[in-house]
């Protein structure tokens, strides 16, 4: 294992290099994984995570979309609605991501976290339609952090929501799309960071 929490920092730096490569392929998503990682860490802290657990969730959140490197760029950056075939391709990204991350022993702990970050609390997500406690807690944290980041991002076909609108949508989806405990911790973490920065 790693010599204390500090032993993971080179891996976090490596994760950032890989994320920069993904960002090059999808101009709409530049900075997306960094924001997801920041929100995931703050949420995990709210849930009393500490030490190397926080570092591992930072790495997992940074790399949650690394599987998109295996998706054709024309599909990733498509502005028009996706065909059912293209949507199936997009749904493969957690699988591809897990396969990429699995190749490094140091990342073995986060393989299921990446693989399951698109699962929903009510079992309607993908790839395995897991529900409730079957979903790794880290995956549930990344799911909320990613949803908020996507909702508040301006995309070519729509403007982003305000923070308040996005938080309301997360609250509404707690217990269906999101783990209710994680959703609550996430909302508190975002509100905290907003009050500190205002």
N, C-alpha and C. Protein backbone atom coordinates (compact mmCIF):
# COMPACT_ATOMS: atom_id res chain seq x y z
N UNK A 1 0.85 -1.21 0.00
CA UNK A 1 0.00 0.00 0.00
C UNK A 1 0.88 1.25 0.00
N UNK A 2 0.21 2.37 -0.01
CA UNK A 2 0.95 3.63 -0.12
C UNK A 2 1.40 4.12 1.25
N UNK A 3 2.56 4.78 1.27
CA UNK A 3 3.08 5.31 2.55
C UNK A 3 2.29 6.55 2.95
N UNK A 4 1.15 6.34 3.59
CA UNK A 4 0.35 7.49 4.04
C UNK A 4 -0.32 8.19 2.87
N UNK A 5 -1.12 9.16 3.18
CA UNK A 5 -1.92 9.85 2.16
C UNK A 5 -1.05 10.54 1.11
N UNK A 6 0.09 11.09 1.52
CA UNK A 6 0.92 11.87 0.60
C UNK A 6 1.44 11.03 -0.55
N UNK A 7 1.50 9.70 -0.37
CA UNK A 7 2.02 8.82 -1.41
C UNK A 7 1.21 8.82 -2.69
N UNK A 8 -0.01 9.34 -2.65
CA UNK A 8 -0.87 9.31 -3.83
C UNK A 8 -0.71 10.52 -4.74
N UNK A 9 -0.02 11.56 -4.26
CA UNK A 9 0.01 12.78 -5.06
C UNK A 9 0.58 12.59 -6.48
N UNK A 10 1.60 11.74 -6.71
CA UNK A 10 2.05 11.55 -8.10
C UNK A 10 0.95 10.94 -8.96
N UNK A 11 0.11 10.09 -8.38
CA UNK A 11 -0.98 9.48 -9.14
C UNK A 11 -2.05 10.52 -9.48
N UNK A 12 -2.28 11.46 -8.56
CA UNK A 12 -3.24 12.53 -8.84
C UNK A 12 -2.72 13.38 -10.00
N UNK A 13 -1.41 13.64 -10.00
CA UNK A 13 -0.82 14.41 -11.11
C UNK A 13 -0.95 13.65 -12.43
N UNK A 14 -0.73 12.33 -12.38
CA UNK A 14 -0.88 11.50 -13.58
C UNK A 14 -2.32 11.57 -14.09
N UNK A 15 -3.27 11.49 -13.16
CA UNK A 15 -4.69 11.57 -13.53
C UNK A 15 -4.98 12.88 -14.26
N UNK A 16 -4.37 13.97 -13.77
CA UNK A 16 -4.59 15.28 -14.41
C UNK A 16 -4.05 15.32 -15.84
N UNK A 17 -2.93 14.65 -16.07
CA UNK A 17 -2.35 14.58 -17.43
C UNK A 17 -3.32 13.83 -18.35
N UNK A 18 -3.86 12.73 -17.86
CA UNK A 18 -4.81 11.94 -18.68
C UNK A 18 -6.07 12.75 -18.97
N UNK A 19 -6.54 13.50 -17.97
CA UNK A 19 -7.74 14.32 -18.14
C UNK A 19 -7.51 15.39 -19.20
N UNK A 20 -6.32 15.97 -19.21
CA UNK A 20 -5.99 17.00 -20.21
C UNK A 20 -6.11 16.41 -21.61
N UNK A 21 -5.74 15.14 -21.76
CA UNK A 21 -5.84 14.47 -23.08
C UNK A 21 -7.31 14.33 -23.48
N UNK A 22 -8.18 14.01 -22.53
CA UNK A 22 -9.61 13.88 -22.83
C UNK A 22 -10.18 15.25 -23.20
N UNK A 23 -9.80 16.26 -22.43
CA UNK A 23 -10.30 17.63 -22.67
C UNK A 23 -10.00 18.09 -24.11
N UNK A 24 -8.87 17.64 -24.66
CA UNK A 24 -8.49 18.03 -26.02
C UNK A 24 -9.52 17.53 -27.04
N UNK A 25 -10.20 16.43 -26.71
CA UNK A 25 -11.11 15.80 -27.68
C UNK A 25 -12.53 16.38 -27.65
N UNK A 26 -12.90 17.02 -26.55
CA UNK A 26 -14.27 17.52 -26.45
C UNK A 26 -14.24 18.93 -25.88
N UNK A 27 -14.29 19.91 -26.78
CA UNK A 27 -14.09 21.31 -26.35
C UNK A 27 -15.17 21.78 -25.40
N UNK A 28 -16.35 21.15 -25.43
CA UNK A 28 -17.43 21.58 -24.54
C UNK A 28 -17.17 21.15 -23.10
N UNK A 29 -16.29 20.18 -22.94
CA UNK A 29 -16.09 19.60 -21.61
C UNK A 29 -14.77 20.01 -20.95
N UNK A 30 -14.08 20.97 -21.48
CA UNK A 30 -12.80 21.40 -20.89
C UNK A 30 -13.04 21.83 -19.44
N UNK A 31 -12.26 21.25 -18.53
CA UNK A 31 -12.39 21.59 -17.11
C UNK A 31 -13.48 20.80 -16.38
N UNK A 32 -14.25 20.01 -17.13
CA UNK A 32 -15.38 19.26 -16.53
C UNK A 32 -14.91 18.34 -15.41
N UNK A 33 -13.90 17.51 -15.70
CA UNK A 33 -13.45 16.52 -14.70
C UNK A 33 -12.83 17.17 -13.48
N UNK A 34 -12.14 18.30 -13.68
CA UNK A 34 -11.58 19.03 -12.53
C UNK A 34 -12.69 19.52 -11.60
N UNK A 35 -13.78 20.03 -12.21
CA UNK A 35 -14.90 20.52 -11.39
C UNK A 35 -15.59 19.36 -10.67
N UNK A 36 -15.77 18.26 -11.39
CA UNK A 36 -16.39 17.08 -10.77
C UNK A 36 -15.54 16.62 -9.58
N UNK A 37 -14.23 16.61 -9.76
CA UNK A 37 -13.33 16.18 -8.67
C UNK A 37 -13.45 17.11 -7.46
N UNK A 38 -13.51 18.42 -7.72
CA UNK A 38 -13.60 19.38 -6.61
C UNK A 38 -14.88 19.16 -5.81
N UNK A 39 -16.00 19.00 -6.52
CA UNK A 39 -17.28 18.78 -5.83
C UNK A 39 -17.31 17.43 -5.12
N UNK A 40 -16.71 16.42 -5.73
CA UNK A 40 -16.69 15.08 -5.12
C UNK A 40 -15.91 15.11 -3.80
N UNK A 41 -14.78 15.80 -3.79
CA UNK A 41 -13.97 15.89 -2.56
C UNK A 41 -14.76 16.60 -1.47
N UNK A 42 -15.38 17.73 -1.81
CA UNK A 42 -16.14 18.49 -0.80
C UNK A 42 -17.31 17.66 -0.25
N UNK A 43 -17.96 16.89 -1.12
CA UNK A 43 -19.07 16.05 -0.67
C UNK A 43 -18.57 14.93 0.23
N UNK A 44 -17.47 14.30 -0.18
CA UNK A 44 -16.90 13.21 0.62
C UNK A 44 -16.47 13.72 2.00
N UNK A 45 -15.91 14.92 2.05
CA UNK A 45 -15.53 15.50 3.35
C UNK A 45 -16.76 15.66 4.23
N UNK A 46 -17.85 16.12 3.64
CA UNK A 46 -19.11 16.27 4.37
C UNK A 46 -19.58 14.94 4.95
N UNK A 47 -19.22 13.85 4.27
CA UNK A 47 -19.63 12.52 4.70
C UNK A 47 -18.55 11.86 5.56
N UNK A 48 -17.62 12.70 6.04
CA UNK A 48 -16.57 12.27 6.98
C UNK A 48 -15.52 11.34 6.37
N UNK A 49 -15.32 11.44 5.06
CA UNK A 49 -14.19 10.75 4.46
C UNK A 49 -12.94 11.54 4.80
N UNK A 50 -11.79 10.83 4.83
CA UNK A 50 -10.53 11.53 5.13
C UNK A 50 -9.35 10.76 4.55
N UNK A 51 -8.18 11.39 4.65
CA UNK A 51 -6.93 10.73 4.26
C UNK A 51 -6.93 10.22 2.84
N UNK A 52 -6.42 8.98 2.66
CA UNK A 52 -6.26 8.44 1.30
C UNK A 52 -7.61 8.21 0.63
N UNK A 53 -8.69 8.05 1.41
CA UNK A 53 -10.02 7.91 0.80
C UNK A 53 -10.35 9.14 -0.05
N UNK A 54 -10.01 10.32 0.47
CA UNK A 54 -10.25 11.57 -0.28
C UNK A 54 -9.39 11.62 -1.54
N UNK A 55 -8.14 11.14 -1.42
CA UNK A 55 -7.26 11.17 -2.58
C UNK A 55 -7.74 10.20 -3.66
N UNK A 56 -8.22 9.04 -3.22
CA UNK A 56 -8.73 8.07 -4.20
C UNK A 56 -9.98 8.60 -4.89
N UNK A 57 -10.86 9.28 -4.15
CA UNK A 57 -12.05 9.79 -4.82
C UNK A 57 -11.68 10.95 -5.76
N UNK A 58 -10.64 11.69 -5.41
CA UNK A 58 -10.18 12.74 -6.32
C UNK A 58 -9.70 12.12 -7.64
N UNK A 59 -8.91 11.04 -7.54
CA UNK A 59 -8.41 10.36 -8.74
C UNK A 59 -9.58 9.79 -9.55
N UNK A 60 -10.51 9.12 -8.86
CA UNK A 60 -11.65 8.50 -9.55
C UNK A 60 -12.50 9.56 -10.25
N UNK A 61 -12.72 10.69 -9.57
CA UNK A 61 -13.55 11.75 -10.16
C UNK A 61 -12.83 12.38 -11.34
N UNK A 62 -11.52 12.55 -11.24
CA UNK A 62 -10.76 13.09 -12.37
C UNK A 62 -10.86 12.15 -13.58
N UNK A 63 -10.83 10.84 -13.31
CA UNK A 63 -10.77 9.85 -14.39
C UNK A 63 -12.13 9.26 -14.75
N UNK A 64 -13.23 9.77 -14.17
CA UNK A 64 -14.52 9.10 -14.36
C UNK A 64 -14.92 9.00 -15.83
N UNK A 65 -14.50 9.96 -16.65
CA UNK A 65 -14.87 9.96 -18.07
C UNK A 65 -13.75 9.52 -18.99
N UNK A 66 -12.69 8.92 -18.44
CA UNK A 66 -11.55 8.57 -19.29
C UNK A 66 -11.94 7.59 -20.40
N UNK A 67 -13.00 6.82 -20.17
CA UNK A 67 -13.46 5.88 -21.20
C UNK A 67 -13.94 6.58 -22.46
N UNK A 68 -14.22 7.89 -22.37
CA UNK A 68 -14.67 8.62 -23.56
C UNK A 68 -13.57 8.73 -24.60
N UNK A 69 -12.35 8.40 -24.21
CA UNK A 69 -11.24 8.42 -25.16
C UNK A 69 -11.47 7.34 -26.23
N UNK A 70 -12.30 6.34 -25.89
CA UNK A 70 -12.60 5.25 -26.83
C UNK A 70 -13.86 5.52 -27.67
N UNK A 71 -14.49 6.68 -27.47
CA UNK A 71 -15.73 7.03 -28.20
C UNK A 71 -15.34 7.95 -29.37
N UNK A 72 -15.88 7.71 -30.57
CA UNK A 72 -15.53 8.59 -31.70
C UNK A 72 -15.83 10.06 -31.37
N UNK A 73 -14.91 10.93 -31.79
CA UNK A 73 -15.04 12.36 -31.50
C UNK A 73 -16.33 12.95 -32.08
N UNK A 74 -16.73 12.44 -33.25
CA UNK A 74 -17.96 12.94 -33.89
C UNK A 74 -19.19 12.68 -33.02
N UNK A 75 -19.14 11.61 -32.23
CA UNK A 75 -20.26 11.30 -31.33
C UNK A 75 -20.18 12.18 -30.08
N UNK A 76 -18.97 12.30 -29.53
CA UNK A 76 -18.78 13.10 -28.31
C UNK A 76 -19.22 14.55 -28.50
N UNK A 77 -18.92 15.11 -29.65
CA UNK A 77 -19.14 16.55 -29.85
C UNK A 77 -20.40 16.83 -30.67
N UNK A 78 -21.21 15.82 -30.90
CA UNK A 78 -22.41 15.99 -31.73
C UNK A 78 -23.40 16.94 -31.04
N UNK A 79 -23.90 17.88 -31.78
CA UNK A 79 -24.83 18.86 -31.24
C UNK A 79 -26.27 18.37 -31.40
N UNK A 80 -26.55 17.70 -32.50
CA UNK A 80 -27.91 17.17 -32.73
C UNK A 80 -28.15 15.98 -31.81
N UNK A 81 -29.42 15.59 -31.58
CA UNK A 81 -29.71 14.43 -30.73
C UNK A 81 -29.00 13.17 -31.22
N UNK A 82 -28.56 12.36 -30.27
CA UNK A 82 -27.84 11.13 -30.62
C UNK A 82 -28.83 10.08 -31.13
N UNK A 83 -28.37 9.27 -32.08
CA UNK A 83 -29.17 8.11 -32.51
C UNK A 83 -29.08 7.05 -31.40
N UNK A 84 -29.93 6.03 -31.49
CA UNK A 84 -29.88 4.99 -30.45
C UNK A 84 -28.53 4.28 -30.48
N UNK A 85 -27.95 4.13 -31.67
CA UNK A 85 -26.63 3.48 -31.80
C UNK A 85 -25.55 4.34 -31.13
N UNK A 86 -25.61 5.65 -31.35
CA UNK A 86 -24.63 6.56 -30.74
C UNK A 86 -24.79 6.60 -29.23
N UNK A 87 -26.03 6.55 -28.77
CA UNK A 87 -26.28 6.56 -27.33
C UNK A 87 -25.71 5.29 -26.69
N UNK A 88 -25.81 4.15 -27.41
CA UNK A 88 -25.21 2.90 -26.91
C UNK A 88 -23.70 3.06 -26.79
N UNK A 89 -23.09 3.75 -27.75
CA UNK A 89 -21.63 4.00 -27.69
C UNK A 89 -21.28 4.81 -26.44
N UNK A 90 -22.03 5.88 -26.21
CA UNK A 90 -21.78 6.74 -25.04
C UNK A 90 -21.92 5.92 -23.75
N UNK A 91 -22.91 5.03 -23.72
CA UNK A 91 -23.14 4.23 -22.52
C UNK A 91 -22.02 3.22 -22.24
N UNK A 92 -21.13 3.04 -23.21
CA UNK A 92 -19.99 2.13 -23.01
C UNK A 92 -18.84 2.81 -22.28
N UNK A 93 -18.90 4.16 -22.11
CA UNK A 93 -17.71 4.83 -21.57
C UNK A 93 -17.34 4.40 -20.16
N UNK A 94 -18.30 4.04 -19.26
CA UNK A 94 -17.84 3.55 -17.95
C UNK A 94 -17.08 2.22 -18.07
N UNK A 95 -17.52 1.37 -19.00
CA UNK A 95 -16.83 0.09 -19.23
C UNK A 95 -15.42 0.34 -19.76
N UNK A 96 -15.31 1.19 -20.78
CA UNK A 96 -13.99 1.48 -21.33
C UNK A 96 -13.09 2.12 -20.27
N UNK A 97 -13.66 3.03 -19.48
CA UNK A 97 -12.89 3.69 -18.43
C UNK A 97 -12.34 2.69 -17.42
N UNK A 98 -13.19 1.75 -17.00
CA UNK A 98 -12.76 0.73 -16.04
C UNK A 98 -11.63 -0.12 -16.63
N UNK A 99 -11.74 -0.45 -17.93
CA UNK A 99 -10.69 -1.25 -18.58
C UNK A 99 -9.36 -0.51 -18.62
N UNK A 100 -9.42 0.79 -18.88
CA UNK A 100 -8.18 1.60 -18.95
C UNK A 100 -7.53 1.68 -17.56
N UNK A 101 -8.35 2.00 -16.55
CA UNK A 101 -7.83 2.21 -15.19
C UNK A 101 -7.34 0.90 -14.58
N UNK A 102 -7.99 -0.20 -14.95
CA UNK A 102 -7.64 -1.53 -14.42
C UNK A 102 -6.19 -1.90 -14.73
N UNK A 103 -5.61 -1.29 -15.75
CA UNK A 103 -4.26 -1.66 -16.16
C UNK A 103 -3.19 -1.17 -15.18
N UNK A 104 -3.57 -0.28 -14.27
CA UNK A 104 -2.61 0.18 -13.25
C UNK A 104 -3.01 -0.38 -11.89
N UNK A 105 -2.16 -1.21 -11.31
CA UNK A 105 -2.49 -1.81 -10.00
C UNK A 105 -2.82 -0.78 -8.95
N UNK A 106 -2.13 0.36 -9.02
CA UNK A 106 -2.34 1.40 -8.00
C UNK A 106 -3.77 1.93 -8.04
N UNK A 107 -4.44 1.77 -9.18
CA UNK A 107 -5.81 2.29 -9.33
C UNK A 107 -6.88 1.22 -9.13
N UNK A 108 -6.48 0.01 -8.70
CA UNK A 108 -7.46 -1.10 -8.66
C UNK A 108 -8.68 -0.76 -7.79
N UNK A 109 -8.47 -0.01 -6.73
CA UNK A 109 -9.58 0.31 -5.82
C UNK A 109 -10.68 1.14 -6.50
N UNK A 110 -10.28 1.97 -7.47
CA UNK A 110 -11.26 2.88 -8.07
C UNK A 110 -11.93 2.32 -9.33
N UNK A 111 -11.52 1.12 -9.77
CA UNK A 111 -12.11 0.54 -10.98
C UNK A 111 -13.64 0.45 -10.87
N UNK A 112 -14.20 -0.14 -9.77
CA UNK A 112 -15.67 -0.19 -9.67
C UNK A 112 -16.31 1.19 -9.52
N UNK A 113 -15.60 2.13 -8.94
CA UNK A 113 -16.15 3.48 -8.77
C UNK A 113 -16.40 4.12 -10.13
N UNK A 114 -15.44 3.95 -11.04
CA UNK A 114 -15.56 4.50 -12.39
C UNK A 114 -16.61 3.71 -13.19
N UNK A 115 -16.57 2.41 -13.05
CA UNK A 115 -17.49 1.55 -13.81
C UNK A 115 -18.95 1.85 -13.48
N UNK A 116 -19.23 2.21 -12.23
CA UNK A 116 -20.62 2.36 -11.79
C UNK A 116 -21.07 3.82 -11.61
N UNK A 117 -20.32 4.81 -12.13
CA UNK A 117 -20.68 6.20 -11.83
C UNK A 117 -21.93 6.68 -12.57
N UNK A 118 -22.48 5.86 -13.48
CA UNK A 118 -23.72 6.23 -14.17
C UNK A 118 -24.92 5.41 -13.68
N UNK A 119 -24.75 4.68 -12.58
CA UNK A 119 -25.88 3.94 -12.00
C UNK A 119 -26.80 4.93 -11.27
N UNK A 120 -28.09 4.58 -11.19
CA UNK A 120 -29.07 5.41 -10.49
C UNK A 120 -29.60 4.68 -9.26
N UNK A 121 -29.90 5.43 -8.23
CA UNK A 121 -30.41 4.90 -6.97
C UNK A 121 -31.60 3.95 -7.18
N UNK A 122 -32.46 4.28 -8.18
CA UNK A 122 -33.66 3.47 -8.41
C UNK A 122 -33.44 2.33 -9.40
N UNK A 123 -32.18 2.12 -9.82
CA UNK A 123 -31.87 0.98 -10.69
C UNK A 123 -32.05 1.24 -12.18
N UNK A 124 -32.27 2.52 -12.57
CA UNK A 124 -32.51 2.82 -13.99
C UNK A 124 -31.24 3.27 -14.72
N UNK A 125 -30.10 3.27 -14.04
CA UNK A 125 -28.86 3.74 -14.69
C UNK A 125 -28.18 2.65 -15.49
N UNK A 126 -26.91 2.85 -15.78
CA UNK A 126 -26.13 1.85 -16.54
C UNK A 126 -24.71 1.84 -15.99
N UNK A 127 -23.90 0.79 -16.22
CA UNK A 127 -24.12 -0.32 -17.14
C UNK A 127 -24.87 -1.53 -16.55
N UNK A 128 -24.97 -1.65 -15.23
CA UNK A 128 -25.50 -2.88 -14.64
C UNK A 128 -26.84 -2.72 -13.92
N UNK A 129 -27.47 -1.55 -14.04
CA UNK A 129 -28.75 -1.28 -13.37
C UNK A 129 -28.69 -1.62 -11.86
N UNK A 130 -27.57 -1.29 -11.22
CA UNK A 130 -27.48 -1.45 -9.77
C UNK A 130 -28.43 -0.45 -9.12
N UNK A 131 -28.82 -0.74 -7.87
CA UNK A 131 -29.67 0.21 -7.15
C UNK A 131 -29.24 0.31 -5.69
N UNK A 132 -29.67 1.39 -5.07
CA UNK A 132 -29.45 1.66 -3.65
C UNK A 132 -28.04 1.28 -3.20
N UNK A 133 -27.94 0.44 -2.14
CA UNK A 133 -26.63 0.15 -1.54
C UNK A 133 -25.71 -0.71 -2.42
N UNK A 134 -26.24 -1.22 -3.53
CA UNK A 134 -25.36 -1.97 -4.45
C UNK A 134 -24.35 -1.04 -5.12
N UNK A 135 -24.71 0.24 -5.21
CA UNK A 135 -23.85 1.21 -5.89
C UNK A 135 -22.74 1.64 -4.93
N UNK A 136 -21.46 1.56 -5.35
CA UNK A 136 -20.38 2.01 -4.46
C UNK A 136 -20.62 3.48 -4.04
N UNK A 137 -20.44 3.80 -2.74
CA UNK A 137 -20.66 5.19 -2.30
C UNK A 137 -19.88 6.21 -3.12
N UNK A 138 -18.65 5.88 -3.51
CA UNK A 138 -17.86 6.83 -4.30
C UNK A 138 -18.51 7.08 -5.66
N UNK A 139 -19.08 6.04 -6.26
CA UNK A 139 -19.78 6.21 -7.54
C UNK A 139 -20.97 7.13 -7.38
N UNK A 140 -21.68 6.97 -6.26
CA UNK A 140 -22.86 7.81 -5.99
C UNK A 140 -22.45 9.28 -5.82
N UNK A 141 -21.30 9.51 -5.20
CA UNK A 141 -20.79 10.88 -5.03
C UNK A 141 -20.42 11.48 -6.39
N UNK A 142 -19.69 10.71 -7.20
CA UNK A 142 -19.28 11.20 -8.52
C UNK A 142 -20.51 11.48 -9.38
N UNK A 143 -21.54 10.63 -9.26
CA UNK A 143 -22.76 10.80 -10.07
C UNK A 143 -23.42 12.16 -9.81
N UNK A 144 -23.52 12.54 -8.54
CA UNK A 144 -24.15 13.82 -8.20
C UNK A 144 -23.25 14.98 -8.66
N UNK A 145 -21.95 14.86 -8.38
CA UNK A 145 -21.02 15.93 -8.75
C UNK A 145 -21.01 16.14 -10.27
N UNK A 146 -21.07 15.04 -11.02
CA UNK A 146 -21.07 15.16 -12.49
C UNK A 146 -22.38 15.77 -12.98
N UNK A 147 -23.51 15.34 -12.42
CA UNK A 147 -24.81 15.86 -12.86
C UNK A 147 -24.88 17.37 -12.65
N UNK A 148 -24.43 17.83 -11.49
CA UNK A 148 -24.45 19.27 -11.19
C UNK A 148 -23.55 20.03 -12.16
N UNK A 149 -22.36 19.48 -12.39
CA UNK A 149 -21.40 20.13 -13.30
C UNK A 149 -21.98 20.23 -14.71
N UNK A 150 -22.62 19.15 -15.18
CA UNK A 150 -23.23 19.16 -16.51
C UNK A 150 -24.39 20.17 -16.57
N UNK A 151 -25.21 20.16 -15.52
CA UNK A 151 -26.37 21.06 -15.52
C UNK A 151 -25.97 22.53 -15.55
N UNK A 152 -24.86 22.86 -14.91
CA UNK A 152 -24.46 24.27 -14.81
C UNK A 152 -23.48 24.69 -15.92
N UNK A 153 -23.25 23.81 -16.89
CA UNK A 153 -22.36 24.10 -18.01
C UNK A 153 -23.17 24.55 -19.23
N UNK A 154 -22.73 25.62 -19.88
CA UNK A 154 -23.35 26.04 -21.15
C UNK A 154 -22.92 25.08 -22.25
N UNK A 155 -23.88 24.55 -22.98
CA UNK A 155 -23.60 23.66 -24.11
C UNK A 155 -24.14 24.30 -25.38
N UNK A 156 -23.71 23.82 -26.56
CA UNK A 156 -24.13 24.47 -27.80
C UNK A 156 -25.64 24.50 -27.98
N UNK A 157 -26.32 23.50 -27.45
CA UNK A 157 -27.77 23.40 -27.67
C UNK A 157 -28.60 23.89 -26.49
N UNK A 158 -27.96 24.33 -25.40
CA UNK A 158 -28.73 24.88 -24.28
C UNK A 158 -27.82 25.66 -23.35
N UNK A 159 -28.41 26.62 -22.63
CA UNK A 159 -27.65 27.35 -21.60
C UNK A 159 -27.66 26.54 -20.31
N UNK A 160 -26.61 26.72 -19.52
CA UNK A 160 -26.55 26.02 -18.24
C UNK A 160 -27.56 26.59 -17.25
N UNK A 161 -27.95 25.74 -16.28
CA UNK A 161 -28.81 26.20 -15.19
C UNK A 161 -28.01 27.06 -14.23
N UNK A 162 -28.70 27.89 -13.47
CA UNK A 162 -28.03 28.56 -12.35
C UNK A 162 -27.74 27.49 -11.29
N UNK A 163 -26.84 27.82 -10.38
CA UNK A 163 -26.52 26.88 -9.30
C UNK A 163 -27.78 26.48 -8.53
N UNK A 164 -28.60 27.47 -8.23
CA UNK A 164 -29.81 27.21 -7.43
C UNK A 164 -30.77 26.28 -8.17
N UNK A 165 -30.94 26.50 -9.47
CA UNK A 165 -31.81 25.62 -10.26
C UNK A 165 -31.27 24.19 -10.26
N UNK A 166 -29.95 24.06 -10.43
CA UNK A 166 -29.34 22.73 -10.47
C UNK A 166 -29.48 22.02 -9.12
N UNK A 167 -29.27 22.76 -8.03
CA UNK A 167 -29.41 22.16 -6.70
C UNK A 167 -30.86 21.71 -6.46
N UNK A 168 -31.81 22.49 -6.94
CA UNK A 168 -33.22 22.08 -6.80
C UNK A 168 -33.50 20.80 -7.56
N UNK A 169 -32.91 20.67 -8.75
CA UNK A 169 -33.11 19.46 -9.55
C UNK A 169 -32.49 18.25 -8.86
N UNK A 170 -31.34 18.46 -8.23
CA UNK A 170 -30.70 17.36 -7.49
C UNK A 170 -31.57 16.96 -6.31
N UNK A 171 -32.11 17.95 -5.61
CA UNK A 171 -33.00 17.64 -4.48
C UNK A 171 -34.21 16.83 -4.95
N UNK A 172 -34.79 17.24 -6.09
CA UNK A 172 -35.97 16.55 -6.64
C UNK A 172 -35.63 15.10 -7.03
N UNK A 173 -34.39 14.88 -7.49
CA UNK A 173 -34.00 13.54 -7.97
C UNK A 173 -33.40 12.67 -6.87
N UNK A 174 -33.30 13.22 -5.64
CA UNK A 174 -32.80 12.41 -4.51
C UNK A 174 -33.81 11.30 -4.23
N UNK A 175 -33.33 10.05 -4.20
CA UNK A 175 -34.23 8.93 -3.99
C UNK A 175 -34.68 8.27 -5.28
N UNK A 176 -34.45 8.92 -6.42
CA UNK A 176 -34.69 8.26 -7.72
C UNK A 176 -33.35 8.12 -8.43
N UNK A 177 -32.83 9.24 -8.97
CA UNK A 177 -31.52 9.17 -9.64
C UNK A 177 -30.37 9.09 -8.64
N UNK A 178 -30.50 9.83 -7.53
CA UNK A 178 -29.36 9.98 -6.62
C UNK A 178 -29.60 9.36 -5.25
N UNK A 179 -28.50 8.89 -4.66
CA UNK A 179 -28.50 8.45 -3.27
C UNK A 179 -28.91 9.66 -2.41
N UNK A 180 -30.02 9.55 -1.63
CA UNK A 180 -30.53 10.73 -0.90
C UNK A 180 -29.50 11.33 0.07
N UNK A 181 -28.75 10.47 0.76
CA UNK A 181 -27.75 10.94 1.73
C UNK A 181 -26.64 11.71 1.01
N UNK A 182 -26.20 11.19 -0.12
CA UNK A 182 -25.15 11.85 -0.90
C UNK A 182 -25.67 13.18 -1.46
N UNK A 183 -26.89 13.17 -1.97
CA UNK A 183 -27.48 14.41 -2.53
C UNK A 183 -27.52 15.50 -1.46
N UNK A 184 -27.92 15.13 -0.25
CA UNK A 184 -27.99 16.11 0.84
C UNK A 184 -26.61 16.66 1.18
N UNK A 185 -25.63 15.76 1.28
CA UNK A 185 -24.25 16.18 1.59
C UNK A 185 -23.71 17.08 0.48
N UNK A 186 -24.04 16.74 -0.76
CA UNK A 186 -23.58 17.54 -1.90
C UNK A 186 -24.16 18.95 -1.84
N UNK A 187 -25.46 19.04 -1.62
CA UNK A 187 -26.13 20.36 -1.58
C UNK A 187 -25.52 21.22 -0.47
N UNK A 188 -25.29 20.61 0.70
CA UNK A 188 -24.67 21.35 1.82
C UNK A 188 -23.26 21.81 1.45
N UNK A 189 -22.51 20.93 0.77
CA UNK A 189 -21.12 21.26 0.41
C UNK A 189 -21.09 22.43 -0.57
N UNK A 190 -21.98 22.42 -1.57
CA UNK A 190 -22.02 23.51 -2.55
C UNK A 190 -22.44 24.81 -1.87
N UNK A 191 -23.46 24.73 -1.00
CA UNK A 191 -23.92 25.94 -0.30
C UNK A 191 -22.80 26.52 0.57
N UNK A 192 -22.06 25.63 1.25
CA UNK A 192 -20.93 26.05 2.09
C UNK A 192 -19.90 26.80 1.26
N UNK A 193 -19.52 26.19 0.12
CA UNK A 193 -18.46 26.81 -0.69
C UNK A 193 -18.94 28.15 -1.26
N UNK A 194 -20.23 28.26 -1.56
CA UNK A 194 -20.76 29.52 -2.07
C UNK A 194 -20.76 30.61 -1.00
N UNK A 195 -21.11 30.22 0.22
CA UNK A 195 -21.15 31.22 1.30
C UNK A 195 -19.73 31.68 1.65
N UNK A 196 -18.74 30.77 1.49
CA UNK A 196 -17.36 31.15 1.78
C UNK A 196 -16.79 32.09 0.72
N UNK A 197 -17.25 31.89 -0.54
CA UNK A 197 -16.68 32.70 -1.62
C UNK A 197 -17.43 34.02 -1.81
N UNK A 198 -18.61 34.16 -1.17
CA UNK A 198 -19.36 35.42 -1.37
C UNK A 198 -18.94 36.48 -0.36
